[in-house]
């Protein structure tokens, strides 16, 4: 993805079971943040940070969607357990992760595996990429993204 690229096509399913096309959300700024796995330390912190700023994102008319490959049941439990207020969506088949280039080979304890690279993409109201953050460090990230959303 390069700055100015259009929002990729693809479908996600929200934690409440509603399937939607990414293109259905064009018309307001969109923040898509990809995270590896619900209810893990870093992913929980990131979701809590975005949720804490949810009113400020809404004040800028921005939609925030957290995307993982978790099941809908896991996303629902995750949202309820941590009182998350941002929308969570599942990309169970991985097609949207592939389109964004966040399904990557990772290394942990000397073994390789495929997983989601923590990354965030900010699109304008016309669906054009304004900014992207790759290999995100959680601390302060949500506030940095908020600052980049057009006022």
N, C-alpha and C. Protein backbone atom coordinates (compact mmCIF):
# COMPACT_ATOMS: atom_id res chain seq x y z
N UNK A 1 0.85 -1.18 0.00
CA UNK A 1 0.00 0.00 0.00
C UNK A 1 0.89 1.24 0.00
N UNK A 2 0.52 2.18 -0.83
CA UNK A 2 1.24 3.44 -0.93
C UNK A 2 0.27 4.59 -0.65
N UNK A 3 0.79 5.70 -0.15
CA UNK A 3 -0.05 6.87 0.11
C UNK A 3 -0.78 7.24 -1.18
N UNK A 4 -2.08 7.50 -1.07
CA UNK A 4 -2.91 7.82 -2.22
C UNK A 4 -3.64 6.63 -2.81
N UNK A 5 -3.24 5.40 -2.44
CA UNK A 5 -3.93 4.20 -2.93
C UNK A 5 -5.37 4.19 -2.41
N UNK A 6 -6.24 3.54 -3.17
CA UNK A 6 -7.63 3.39 -2.77
C UNK A 6 -7.79 2.28 -1.75
N UNK A 7 -8.81 2.42 -0.93
CA UNK A 7 -9.17 1.38 0.03
C UNK A 7 -9.38 0.07 -0.73
N UNK A 8 -8.65 -0.99 -0.36
CA UNK A 8 -8.83 -2.26 -1.07
C UNK A 8 -10.25 -2.80 -0.92
N UNK A 9 -10.65 -3.58 -1.89
CA UNK A 9 -11.95 -4.25 -1.77
C UNK A 9 -11.80 -5.39 -0.79
N UNK A 10 -12.86 -5.79 -0.22
CA UNK A 10 -12.84 -6.91 0.71
C UNK A 10 -14.01 -6.82 1.66
N UNK A 11 -14.26 -7.93 2.34
CA UNK A 11 -15.36 -8.02 3.28
C UNK A 11 -14.85 -8.47 4.64
N UNK A 12 -15.45 -7.91 5.68
CA UNK A 12 -15.17 -8.29 7.05
C UNK A 12 -16.49 -8.62 7.73
N UNK A 13 -16.41 -9.26 8.88
CA UNK A 13 -17.61 -9.54 9.66
C UNK A 13 -17.41 -8.91 11.03
N UNK A 14 -18.34 -8.04 11.42
CA UNK A 14 -18.23 -7.37 12.72
C UNK A 14 -18.50 -8.38 13.83
N UNK A 15 -18.09 -8.02 15.03
CA UNK A 15 -18.23 -8.93 16.18
C UNK A 15 -19.69 -9.30 16.42
N UNK A 16 -20.64 -8.46 15.97
CA UNK A 16 -22.05 -8.78 16.14
C UNK A 16 -22.61 -9.63 14.99
N UNK A 17 -21.72 -10.09 14.11
CA UNK A 17 -22.12 -11.02 13.05
C UNK A 17 -22.53 -10.39 11.74
N UNK A 18 -22.45 -9.09 11.60
CA UNK A 18 -22.84 -8.41 10.36
C UNK A 18 -21.66 -8.38 9.38
N UNK A 19 -21.87 -8.92 8.19
CA UNK A 19 -20.83 -8.90 7.16
C UNK A 19 -20.95 -7.59 6.38
N UNK A 20 -19.81 -6.95 6.09
CA UNK A 20 -19.84 -5.68 5.37
C UNK A 20 -18.65 -5.56 4.44
N UNK A 21 -18.85 -4.79 3.40
CA UNK A 21 -17.76 -4.49 2.46
C UNK A 21 -17.03 -3.26 2.97
N UNK A 22 -15.72 -3.24 2.84
CA UNK A 22 -14.95 -2.06 3.23
C UNK A 22 -15.47 -0.82 2.51
N UNK A 23 -15.83 -0.99 1.25
CA UNK A 23 -16.31 0.15 0.46
C UNK A 23 -17.59 0.75 1.02
N UNK A 24 -18.36 -0.04 1.80
CA UNK A 24 -19.59 0.47 2.42
C UNK A 24 -19.29 1.54 3.46
N UNK A 25 -18.06 1.60 3.93
CA UNK A 25 -17.69 2.52 5.00
C UNK A 25 -17.09 3.83 4.48
N UNK A 26 -16.89 3.93 3.16
CA UNK A 26 -16.37 5.17 2.59
C UNK A 26 -17.39 6.28 2.80
N UNK A 27 -16.90 7.50 3.01
CA UNK A 27 -17.78 8.64 3.26
C UNK A 27 -17.36 9.39 4.51
N UNK A 28 -16.45 8.80 5.24
CA UNK A 28 -15.87 9.42 6.43
C UNK A 28 -14.47 8.84 6.60
N UNK A 29 -13.58 9.50 7.34
CA UNK A 29 -12.26 8.92 7.55
C UNK A 29 -12.37 7.54 8.21
N UNK A 30 -11.51 6.64 7.78
CA UNK A 30 -11.52 5.27 8.29
C UNK A 30 -10.13 4.94 8.83
N UNK A 31 -10.10 4.44 10.06
CA UNK A 31 -8.88 3.92 10.66
C UNK A 31 -9.06 2.41 10.75
N UNK A 32 -8.22 1.68 10.04
CA UNK A 32 -8.20 0.22 10.14
C UNK A 32 -6.92 -0.16 10.86
N UNK A 33 -7.08 -0.77 12.02
CA UNK A 33 -5.87 -1.24 12.69
C UNK A 33 -5.92 -2.77 12.77
N UNK A 34 -4.84 -3.37 12.36
CA UNK A 34 -4.72 -4.82 12.34
C UNK A 34 -3.91 -5.25 13.55
N UNK A 35 -4.39 -6.27 14.25
CA UNK A 35 -3.71 -6.76 15.44
C UNK A 35 -3.67 -8.29 15.39
N UNK A 36 -2.62 -8.89 15.97
CA UNK A 36 -2.42 -10.34 15.84
C UNK A 36 -3.48 -11.23 16.48
N UNK A 37 -3.87 -10.96 17.74
CA UNK A 37 -4.74 -11.91 18.41
C UNK A 37 -5.47 -11.27 19.58
N UNK A 38 -6.78 -11.41 19.59
CA UNK A 38 -7.60 -10.84 20.67
C UNK A 38 -7.20 -11.42 22.02
N UNK A 39 -7.29 -10.55 23.01
CA UNK A 39 -7.10 -10.91 24.42
C UNK A 39 -5.66 -11.30 24.77
N UNK A 40 -4.71 -10.83 23.97
CA UNK A 40 -3.30 -10.94 24.35
C UNK A 40 -2.87 -9.57 24.86
N UNK A 41 -1.78 -9.51 25.55
CA UNK A 41 -1.39 -8.28 26.24
C UNK A 41 -1.33 -7.05 25.34
N UNK A 42 -0.54 -7.10 24.28
CA UNK A 42 -0.39 -5.94 23.39
C UNK A 42 -1.67 -5.60 22.66
N UNK A 43 -2.38 -6.61 22.22
CA UNK A 43 -3.62 -6.37 21.47
C UNK A 43 -4.71 -5.80 22.37
N UNK A 44 -4.76 -6.26 23.61
CA UNK A 44 -5.72 -5.72 24.56
C UNK A 44 -5.41 -4.26 24.84
N UNK A 45 -4.15 -3.96 25.09
CA UNK A 45 -3.76 -2.57 25.38
C UNK A 45 -4.10 -1.65 24.20
N UNK A 46 -3.82 -2.11 22.98
CA UNK A 46 -4.10 -1.30 21.80
C UNK A 46 -5.60 -1.04 21.67
N UNK A 47 -6.42 -2.06 21.85
CA UNK A 47 -7.87 -1.91 21.76
C UNK A 47 -8.39 -0.98 22.85
N UNK A 48 -7.84 -1.09 24.04
CA UNK A 48 -8.24 -0.20 25.14
C UNK A 48 -7.85 1.25 24.83
N UNK A 49 -6.67 1.44 24.26
CA UNK A 49 -6.23 2.80 23.92
C UNK A 49 -7.12 3.43 22.85
N UNK A 50 -7.46 2.66 21.80
CA UNK A 50 -8.36 3.19 20.78
C UNK A 50 -9.75 3.45 21.38
N UNK A 51 -10.21 2.56 22.25
CA UNK A 51 -11.51 2.74 22.90
C UNK A 51 -11.53 3.98 23.78
N UNK A 52 -10.44 4.24 24.48
CA UNK A 52 -10.37 5.42 25.36
C UNK A 52 -10.49 6.71 24.56
N UNK A 53 -10.10 6.67 23.30
CA UNK A 53 -10.15 7.85 22.43
C UNK A 53 -11.33 7.82 21.46
N UNK A 54 -12.23 6.88 21.64
CA UNK A 54 -13.33 6.69 20.69
C UNK A 54 -14.16 7.95 20.50
N UNK A 55 -14.46 8.66 21.58
CA UNK A 55 -15.26 9.88 21.45
C UNK A 55 -14.52 10.94 20.63
N UNK A 56 -13.21 11.02 20.78
CA UNK A 56 -12.43 11.99 20.02
C UNK A 56 -12.36 11.61 18.54
N UNK A 57 -12.28 10.31 18.25
CA UNK A 57 -12.32 9.88 16.85
C UNK A 57 -13.69 10.22 16.26
N UNK A 58 -14.76 9.95 17.01
CA UNK A 58 -16.11 10.26 16.54
C UNK A 58 -16.29 11.76 16.32
N UNK A 59 -15.68 12.58 17.17
CA UNK A 59 -15.77 14.03 17.01
C UNK A 59 -15.16 14.48 15.69
N UNK A 60 -14.23 13.70 15.17
CA UNK A 60 -13.62 13.99 13.87
C UNK A 60 -14.31 13.19 12.76
N UNK A 61 -15.45 12.57 13.10
CA UNK A 61 -16.24 11.77 12.17
C UNK A 61 -15.48 10.55 11.65
N UNK A 62 -14.48 10.10 12.40
CA UNK A 62 -13.67 8.95 11.96
C UNK A 62 -14.21 7.65 12.53
N UNK A 63 -14.19 6.64 11.69
CA UNK A 63 -14.59 5.29 12.07
C UNK A 63 -13.33 4.50 12.37
N UNK A 64 -13.28 3.82 13.51
CA UNK A 64 -12.14 2.99 13.89
C UNK A 64 -12.58 1.54 13.90
N UNK A 65 -11.85 0.70 13.17
CA UNK A 65 -12.15 -0.72 13.10
C UNK A 65 -10.88 -1.51 13.39
N UNK A 66 -10.94 -2.36 14.40
CA UNK A 66 -9.84 -3.27 14.71
C UNK A 66 -10.07 -4.58 14.00
N UNK A 67 -9.06 -5.07 13.28
CA UNK A 67 -9.20 -6.27 12.45
C UNK A 67 -8.21 -7.35 12.89
N UNK A 68 -8.73 -8.55 13.06
CA UNK A 68 -7.89 -9.72 13.33
C UNK A 68 -8.51 -10.91 12.60
N UNK A 69 -7.88 -12.07 12.74
CA UNK A 69 -8.44 -13.28 12.13
C UNK A 69 -9.14 -14.13 13.17
N UNK A 70 -9.42 -13.55 14.32
CA UNK A 70 -10.12 -14.28 15.38
C UNK A 70 -11.55 -14.61 14.98
N UNK A 71 -12.11 -15.61 15.64
CA UNK A 71 -13.51 -15.97 15.39
C UNK A 71 -14.42 -14.88 15.96
N UNK A 72 -15.65 -14.85 15.48
CA UNK A 72 -16.62 -13.88 15.99
C UNK A 72 -16.88 -14.08 17.48
N UNK A 73 -16.95 -15.32 17.92
CA UNK A 73 -17.19 -15.59 19.33
C UNK A 73 -16.05 -15.02 20.18
N UNK A 74 -14.82 -15.17 19.72
CA UNK A 74 -13.67 -14.66 20.47
C UNK A 74 -13.70 -13.13 20.49
N UNK A 75 -14.03 -12.50 19.36
CA UNK A 75 -14.10 -11.04 19.33
C UNK A 75 -15.18 -10.51 20.28
N UNK A 76 -16.31 -11.17 20.30
CA UNK A 76 -17.40 -10.73 21.17
C UNK A 76 -16.98 -10.84 22.63
N UNK A 77 -16.35 -11.96 23.03
CA UNK A 77 -15.87 -12.11 24.40
C UNK A 77 -14.83 -11.05 24.75
N UNK A 78 -13.92 -10.79 23.80
CA UNK A 78 -12.86 -9.81 23.97
C UNK A 78 -13.46 -8.42 24.22
N UNK A 79 -14.41 -8.03 23.40
CA UNK A 79 -15.04 -6.71 23.54
C UNK A 79 -15.78 -6.59 24.87
N UNK A 80 -16.51 -7.62 25.24
CA UNK A 80 -17.27 -7.59 26.49
C UNK A 80 -16.35 -7.59 27.71
N UNK A 81 -15.35 -8.44 27.69
CA UNK A 81 -14.43 -8.57 28.83
C UNK A 81 -13.73 -7.25 29.15
N UNK A 82 -13.36 -6.49 28.11
CA UNK A 82 -12.58 -5.27 28.30
C UNK A 82 -13.38 -4.00 28.05
N UNK A 83 -14.71 -4.12 27.90
CA UNK A 83 -15.60 -2.98 27.66
C UNK A 83 -15.08 -2.10 26.51
N UNK A 84 -14.74 -2.75 25.40
CA UNK A 84 -14.19 -2.03 24.25
C UNK A 84 -15.31 -1.30 23.51
N UNK A 85 -15.02 -0.10 23.05
CA UNK A 85 -16.04 0.70 22.36
C UNK A 85 -15.73 0.92 20.89
N UNK A 86 -14.61 0.39 20.41
CA UNK A 86 -14.33 0.47 18.97
C UNK A 86 -14.89 -0.79 18.31
N UNK A 87 -15.17 -0.66 17.04
CA UNK A 87 -15.69 -1.80 16.29
C UNK A 87 -14.57 -2.81 16.06
N UNK A 88 -14.87 -4.08 16.32
CA UNK A 88 -13.93 -5.16 16.03
C UNK A 88 -14.52 -5.97 14.89
N UNK A 89 -13.64 -6.43 14.00
CA UNK A 89 -14.11 -7.20 12.85
C UNK A 89 -13.17 -8.36 12.60
N UNK A 90 -13.73 -9.44 12.08
CA UNK A 90 -12.97 -10.64 11.77
C UNK A 90 -12.72 -10.76 10.28
N UNK A 91 -11.51 -11.15 9.97
CA UNK A 91 -11.10 -11.49 8.60
C UNK A 91 -10.69 -12.96 8.64
N UNK A 92 -11.65 -13.82 8.94
CA UNK A 92 -11.34 -15.22 9.17
C UNK A 92 -10.65 -15.90 7.99
N UNK A 93 -10.99 -15.52 6.76
CA UNK A 93 -10.34 -16.17 5.61
C UNK A 93 -9.01 -15.50 5.24
N UNK A 94 -8.71 -14.37 5.85
CA UNK A 94 -7.42 -13.72 5.63
C UNK A 94 -7.31 -12.89 4.36
N UNK A 95 -8.38 -12.74 3.60
CA UNK A 95 -8.30 -12.03 2.32
C UNK A 95 -8.00 -10.55 2.48
N UNK A 96 -8.57 -9.93 3.50
CA UNK A 96 -8.31 -8.50 3.73
C UNK A 96 -6.89 -8.31 4.25
N UNK A 97 -6.44 -9.18 5.14
CA UNK A 97 -5.05 -9.13 5.62
C UNK A 97 -4.08 -9.25 4.45
N UNK A 98 -4.38 -10.13 3.52
CA UNK A 98 -3.53 -10.28 2.33
C UNK A 98 -3.53 -9.00 1.50
N UNK A 99 -4.71 -8.42 1.30
CA UNK A 99 -4.82 -7.20 0.48
C UNK A 99 -4.01 -6.05 1.08
N UNK A 100 -3.91 -6.00 2.39
CA UNK A 100 -3.16 -4.93 3.07
C UNK A 100 -1.70 -5.30 3.30
N UNK A 101 -1.33 -6.53 2.97
CA UNK A 101 0.06 -6.96 3.14
C UNK A 101 0.48 -7.13 4.58
N UNK A 102 -0.47 -7.44 5.46
CA UNK A 102 -0.14 -7.60 6.88
C UNK A 102 -0.07 -9.07 7.32
N UNK A 103 -0.37 -9.99 6.42
CA UNK A 103 -0.23 -11.42 6.72
C UNK A 103 1.20 -11.78 6.32
N UNK A 104 2.06 -11.92 7.33
CA UNK A 104 3.50 -12.03 7.08
C UNK A 104 4.12 -13.18 7.86
N UNK A 105 5.31 -13.54 7.45
CA UNK A 105 6.07 -14.53 8.20
C UNK A 105 6.68 -13.85 9.41
N UNK A 106 6.51 -14.49 10.56
CA UNK A 106 7.03 -13.94 11.82
C UNK A 106 7.96 -14.97 12.46
N UNK A 107 8.75 -14.49 13.39
CA UNK A 107 9.68 -15.36 14.11
C UNK A 107 9.46 -15.22 15.61
N UNK A 108 9.44 -16.34 16.31
CA UNK A 108 9.38 -16.30 17.76
C UNK A 108 10.06 -17.55 18.30
N UNK A 109 10.99 -17.33 19.20
CA UNK A 109 11.74 -18.43 19.82
C UNK A 109 12.34 -19.37 18.79
N UNK A 110 12.84 -18.78 17.71
CA UNK A 110 13.53 -19.55 16.69
C UNK A 110 12.64 -20.29 15.71
N UNK A 111 11.35 -20.12 15.81
CA UNK A 111 10.48 -20.79 14.83
C UNK A 111 9.75 -19.75 14.00
N UNK A 112 9.47 -20.13 12.76
CA UNK A 112 8.76 -19.25 11.83
C UNK A 112 7.29 -19.65 11.76
N UNK A 113 6.44 -18.66 11.62
CA UNK A 113 5.02 -18.92 11.46
C UNK A 113 4.39 -17.72 10.77
N UNK A 114 3.20 -17.89 10.23
CA UNK A 114 2.48 -16.80 9.58
C UNK A 114 1.55 -16.15 10.61
N UNK A 115 1.49 -14.82 10.54
CA UNK A 115 0.62 -14.09 11.46
C UNK A 115 0.42 -12.66 10.98
N UNK A 116 -0.39 -11.94 11.72
CA UNK A 116 -0.69 -10.55 11.38
C UNK A 116 0.39 -9.63 11.94
N UNK A 117 0.92 -8.78 11.07
CA UNK A 117 1.82 -7.72 11.50
C UNK A 117 0.95 -6.58 12.05
N UNK A 118 1.27 -6.11 13.25
CA UNK A 118 0.50 -5.00 13.83
C UNK A 118 0.73 -3.77 12.94
N UNK A 119 -0.36 -3.27 12.34
CA UNK A 119 -0.26 -2.15 11.41
C UNK A 119 -1.58 -1.37 11.43
N UNK A 120 -1.49 -0.10 11.07
CA UNK A 120 -2.67 0.77 11.04
C UNK A 120 -2.67 1.57 9.75
N UNK A 121 -3.87 1.75 9.18
CA UNK A 121 -4.05 2.48 7.93
C UNK A 121 -5.12 3.53 8.13
N UNK A 122 -4.84 4.75 7.71
CA UNK A 122 -5.79 5.86 7.80
C UNK A 122 -6.19 6.27 6.39
N UNK A 123 -7.50 6.20 6.12
CA UNK A 123 -8.06 6.59 4.83
C UNK A 123 -8.91 7.83 5.00
N UNK A 124 -8.92 8.68 3.96
CA UNK A 124 -9.78 9.86 4.01
C UNK A 124 -11.21 9.47 3.65
N UNK A 125 -12.11 10.43 3.64
CA UNK A 125 -13.53 10.17 3.39
C UNK A 125 -13.81 9.64 1.99
N UNK A 126 -12.86 9.82 1.07
CA UNK A 126 -13.01 9.31 -0.30
C UNK A 126 -12.36 7.93 -0.46
N UNK A 127 -11.81 7.39 0.62
CA UNK A 127 -11.20 6.06 0.56
C UNK A 127 -9.77 6.06 0.04
N UNK A 128 -9.07 7.18 0.14
CA UNK A 128 -7.66 7.27 -0.28
C UNK A 128 -6.77 7.17 0.95
N UNK A 129 -5.70 6.39 0.84
CA UNK A 129 -4.78 6.21 1.96
C UNK A 129 -4.02 7.50 2.25
N UNK A 130 -4.19 7.99 3.49
CA UNK A 130 -3.49 9.19 3.94
C UNK A 130 -2.18 8.86 4.65
N UNK A 131 -2.21 7.78 5.43
CA UNK A 131 -1.04 7.44 6.24
C UNK A 131 -1.11 5.98 6.63
N UNK A 132 0.07 5.38 6.82
CA UNK A 132 0.12 4.01 7.32
C UNK A 132 1.23 3.89 8.35
N UNK A 133 1.00 3.03 9.30
CA UNK A 133 1.99 2.72 10.33
C UNK A 133 2.22 1.22 10.27
N UNK A 134 3.46 0.81 10.11
CA UNK A 134 3.82 -0.62 10.06
C UNK A 134 4.64 -0.97 11.30
N UNK A 135 4.57 -2.24 11.68
CA UNK A 135 5.32 -2.73 12.85
C UNK A 135 5.11 -1.80 14.05
N UNK A 136 3.85 -1.58 14.34
CA UNK A 136 3.41 -0.64 15.37
C UNK A 136 3.88 -1.06 16.76
N UNK A 137 4.33 -0.07 17.52
CA UNK A 137 4.56 -0.21 18.95
C UNK A 137 3.33 0.38 19.62
N UNK A 138 2.72 -0.33 20.54
CA UNK A 138 1.41 0.03 21.08
C UNK A 138 1.41 1.35 21.86
N UNK A 139 2.39 1.55 22.70
CA UNK A 139 2.39 2.73 23.59
C UNK A 139 2.31 4.02 22.78
N UNK A 140 1.26 4.80 23.01
CA UNK A 140 1.08 6.09 22.36
C UNK A 140 0.57 6.04 20.93
N UNK A 141 0.37 4.84 20.40
CA UNK A 141 -0.01 4.71 18.99
C UNK A 141 -1.40 5.29 18.70
N UNK A 142 -2.40 4.96 19.50
CA UNK A 142 -3.76 5.45 19.23
C UNK A 142 -3.80 6.97 19.22
N UNK A 143 -3.09 7.61 20.12
CA UNK A 143 -3.05 9.08 20.16
C UNK A 143 -2.36 9.63 18.92
N UNK A 144 -1.33 8.96 18.45
CA UNK A 144 -0.64 9.39 17.23
C UNK A 144 -1.57 9.30 16.02
N UNK A 145 -2.35 8.23 15.95
CA UNK A 145 -3.30 8.06 14.85
C UNK A 145 -4.37 9.16 14.93
N UNK A 146 -4.91 9.40 16.11
CA UNK A 146 -5.91 10.45 16.28
C UNK A 146 -5.37 11.80 15.79
N UNK A 147 -4.15 12.10 16.11
CA UNK A 147 -3.55 13.38 15.69
C UNK A 147 -3.45 13.49 14.16
N UNK A 148 -3.39 12.35 13.49
CA UNK A 148 -3.28 12.36 12.03
C UNK A 148 -4.62 12.44 11.30
N UNK A 149 -5.72 12.18 12.03
CA UNK A 149 -7.05 12.24 11.42
C UNK A 149 -7.39 13.69 11.12
N UNK A 150 -7.80 13.99 9.87
CA UNK A 150 -8.16 15.37 9.54
C UNK A 150 -9.26 15.89 10.45
N UNK A 151 -9.09 17.11 10.93
CA UNK A 151 -10.08 17.71 11.85
C UNK A 151 -11.29 18.21 11.08
